[in-house]
Protein backbone atom coordinates (compact mmCIF):
# COMPACT_ATOMS: atom_id res chain seq x y z
CA MET A 1 108.73 74.93 103.43
CA THR A 2 110.25 78.30 104.30
CA ARG A 3 108.79 80.48 107.05
CA VAL A 4 108.89 84.16 106.13
CA LEU A 5 108.15 87.10 108.40
CA ILE A 6 106.94 90.22 106.60
CA ILE A 7 107.34 93.32 108.75
CA GLY A 8 105.05 96.06 107.47
CA ALA A 9 102.78 93.54 105.80
CA THR A 10 99.88 95.97 105.29
CA GLY A 11 101.86 98.66 103.46
CA THR A 12 102.24 98.99 99.71
CA LEU A 13 105.52 97.09 99.46
CA GLY A 14 104.67 94.54 102.15
CA SER A 15 101.34 93.75 100.47
CA ALA A 16 103.04 93.25 97.10
CA VAL A 17 105.69 90.94 98.59
CA ARG A 18 102.98 89.01 100.42
CA GLN A 19 101.01 88.43 97.22
CA MET A 20 104.12 87.45 95.26
CA LEU A 21 105.14 84.90 97.90
CA LEU A 22 101.63 83.46 98.00
CA ASP A 23 101.49 83.19 94.20
CA GLN A 24 104.99 81.89 93.54
CA THR A 25 106.02 79.83 96.58
CA ASP A 26 104.68 77.43 99.16
CA ASP A 27 106.14 79.55 101.98
CA GLU A 28 104.33 80.03 105.27
CA LEU A 29 103.93 83.74 105.96
CA THR A 30 103.82 85.60 109.25
CA LEU A 31 102.37 89.07 108.73
CA PHE A 32 103.61 91.63 111.27
CA ALA A 33 101.64 94.86 111.52
CA ARG A 34 100.41 97.38 114.07
CA SER A 35 96.81 96.22 113.59
CA ALA A 36 97.04 92.56 112.63
CA ASN A 37 93.42 91.98 113.62
CA GLN A 38 92.42 93.85 110.45
CA ILE A 39 94.31 91.46 108.15
CA GLN A 40 92.40 88.66 106.46
CA THR A 41 94.68 85.63 106.36
CA GLY A 42 94.74 82.56 104.19
CA ALA A 43 95.71 78.98 104.98
CA ARG A 44 99.47 79.62 104.82
CA GLU A 45 99.37 82.87 106.78
CA LYS A 46 99.14 84.12 110.32
CA ALA A 47 98.98 87.73 111.42
CA ILE A 48 100.54 89.15 114.57
CA SER A 49 100.34 92.64 116.01
CA GLY A 50 103.42 94.48 117.11
CA ASN A 51 105.47 97.64 117.03
CA VAL A 52 108.82 97.70 115.22
CA MET A 53 110.12 100.06 117.89
CA ASN A 54 109.59 97.39 120.55
CA ASP A 55 112.44 94.87 120.72
CA ALA A 56 110.28 92.28 122.51
CA ASP A 57 107.66 92.41 119.74
CA LEU A 58 110.35 91.93 117.09
CA ASP A 59 112.08 89.14 119.00
CA GLN A 60 108.79 87.26 119.40
CA ALA A 61 107.84 87.75 115.75
CA MET A 62 111.21 86.48 114.50
CA GLN A 63 111.16 83.25 116.49
CA GLY A 64 111.05 80.25 114.19
CA GLN A 65 111.39 82.28 110.99
CA ASP A 66 113.75 81.32 108.18
CA ALA A 67 113.69 84.75 106.52
CA VAL A 68 112.61 88.27 107.38
CA PHE A 69 111.45 90.90 104.90
CA ALA A 70 111.26 94.40 106.40
CA ALA A 71 108.98 96.62 104.32
CA LEU A 72 109.70 99.79 106.25
CA SER A 73 110.01 103.36 105.03
CA GLY A 74 111.49 106.57 106.33
CA ASN A 75 114.97 107.25 107.68
CA LEU A 76 115.89 103.67 108.51
CA GLU A 77 119.48 104.44 109.48
CA LEU A 78 118.33 106.95 112.11
CA PHE A 79 115.59 104.56 113.24
CA ALA A 80 118.07 101.72 113.72
CA LYS A 81 120.55 103.87 115.62
CA LYS A 82 117.92 105.45 117.87
CA ASN A 83 115.80 102.40 118.63
CA HIS A 84 118.15 99.45 118.35
CA GLY A 85 121.64 100.82 119.04
CA CYS A 86 122.93 99.96 115.57
CA ASN A 87 125.98 101.82 114.37
CA GLY A 88 126.79 100.05 111.12
CA SER A 89 129.48 97.82 112.61
CA ARG A 90 127.20 95.13 114.02
CA PRO A 91 123.86 93.57 113.04
CA CYS A 92 120.76 95.45 114.14
CA PHE A 93 118.76 92.27 114.59
CA THR A 94 119.62 88.63 115.14
CA ALA A 95 117.29 85.82 114.20
């Protein structure tokens, strides 16, 4: 069984990916959102609160995951450079 972290799980794209994974796989899902306490979870899901701009929150959320789906919007290149020191020549995140 694959463990999948969905960052932005309550947004339009994150919600669609969540439903597709529930319908088509036996994956265990970790739903990462700012207000995880508002997410109703099923048997194969757990919800955790966090902020994508906080490295510690992301590090904790990614522990034990096999895959990460980031359903984020906006200027992601600027976000990565500003918040995570990414410059295109090295990974922004390591699992």
